[in-house]
Amino acid sequence: MASQTITIDDLKRILRDAAGADEGVDLDGDILDAEFAELGYDSLALLETASRITREYGIKLDDDAAVGATTPRELLKVINDD
């Protein structure tokens, strides 16, 4: 388990830093159960997000697990239950 819990706000910041945000997407809304595809994030964006999480928090994420998460809630579970 991660020594520090990554929150949805942390994840939103990292997503923006890693891949930006589509103009039509409001990351400030309730996105926990929104599909990453609906939010404009593809597998490359998720790999970059996983890389940034590893660098910033020291949490090594399996690439398949990071890309396999289809929603922010699922990705946070992968991150925080690791």
Protein backbone atom coordinates (compact mmCIF):
# COMPACT_ATOMS: atom_id res chain seq x y z
CA MET A 1 0.00 0.00 0.00
CA ALA A 2 1.20 3.52 -0.73
CA SER A 3 2.64 5.40 2.23
CA GLN A 4 0.65 8.41 1.09
CA THR A 5 -2.89 8.24 -0.20
CA ILE A 6 -3.34 9.80 -3.62
CA THR A 7 -6.62 11.73 -3.79
CA ILE A 8 -8.85 12.57 -6.72
CA ASP A 9 -7.52 16.13 -6.60
CA ASP A 10 -3.95 14.81 -6.84
CA LEU A 11 -4.96 12.63 -9.79
CA LYS A 12 -6.70 15.53 -11.57
CA ARG A 13 -3.57 17.67 -11.22
CA ILE A 14 -1.36 14.89 -12.54
CA LEU A 15 -3.70 14.19 -15.47
CA ARG A 16 -3.64 17.88 -16.43
CA ASP A 17 0.14 18.03 -16.10
CA ALA A 18 0.68 14.79 -18.02
CA ALA A 19 -1.73 15.22 -20.89
CA GLY A 20 -3.68 18.44 -20.48
CA ALA A 21 -7.46 18.50 -20.60
CA ASP A 22 -9.91 18.57 -23.49
CA GLU A 23 -11.77 21.86 -23.82
CA GLY A 24 -15.17 20.18 -23.44
CA VAL A 25 -14.22 18.27 -20.28
CA ASP A 26 -14.67 19.68 -16.79
CA LEU A 27 -12.16 17.87 -14.58
CA ASP A 28 -13.38 19.94 -11.65
CA GLY A 29 -16.71 18.09 -11.71
CA ASP A 30 -17.45 14.63 -10.35
CA ILE A 31 -15.29 12.46 -12.61
CA LEU A 32 -14.64 9.46 -10.36
CA ASP A 33 -16.77 7.12 -12.46
CA ALA A 34 -16.34 8.77 -15.85
CA GLU A 35 -14.49 6.68 -18.44
CA PHE A 36 -11.03 8.00 -19.27
CA ALA A 37 -12.00 7.86 -22.96
CA GLU A 38 -14.92 10.20 -22.25
CA LEU A 39 -12.50 12.55 -20.48
CA GLY A 40 -10.19 12.56 -23.50
CA TYR A 41 -7.40 10.39 -22.06
CA ASP A 42 -6.01 7.45 -24.02
CA SER A 43 -3.57 4.72 -23.01
CA LEU A 44 -0.53 6.93 -23.70
CA ALA A 45 -1.90 9.60 -21.38
CA LEU A 46 -2.44 6.98 -18.68
CA LEU A 47 1.10 5.65 -19.10
CA GLU A 48 2.46 9.19 -18.72
CA THR A 49 0.24 9.66 -15.67
CA ALA A 50 1.59 6.44 -14.14
CA SER A 51 5.14 7.60 -14.85
CA ARG A 52 4.52 10.93 -13.11
CA ILE A 53 2.98 9.19 -10.10
CA THR A 54 6.09 7.00 -9.85
CA ARG A 55 8.39 10.01 -10.03
CA GLU A 56 6.39 12.23 -7.69
CA TYR A 57 5.22 9.72 -5.09
CA GLY A 58 7.62 6.80 -5.50
CA ILE A 59 4.75 4.43 -6.26
CA LYS A 60 5.65 1.97 -9.02
CA LEU A 61 2.58 1.13 -11.08
CA ASP A 62 2.34 -1.83 -13.38
CA ASP A 63 1.73 -0.48 -16.90
CA ASP A 64 -1.03 -3.02 -17.55
CA ALA A 65 -2.82 -2.08 -14.33
CA ALA A 66 -2.56 1.63 -15.06
CA VAL A 67 -3.85 1.27 -18.63
CA GLY A 68 -6.44 -1.30 -17.54
CA ALA A 69 -8.14 1.18 -15.23
CA THR A 70 -11.04 2.68 -17.14
CA THR A 71 -12.11 5.34 -14.61
CA PRO A 72 -10.34 7.60 -12.11
CA ARG A 73 -11.91 5.56 -9.28
CA GLU A 74 -10.33 2.37 -10.64
CA LEU A 75 -6.95 4.04 -11.12
CA LEU A 76 -7.00 5.44 -7.58
CA LYS A 77 -7.77 1.94 -6.28
CA VAL A 78 -4.77 0.57 -8.21
CA ILE A 79 -2.56 3.35 -6.88
CA ASN A 80 -3.66 3.29 -3.26
CA ASP A 81 -4.04 -0.48 -2.88
CA ASP A 82 -0.64 -1.22 -4.42
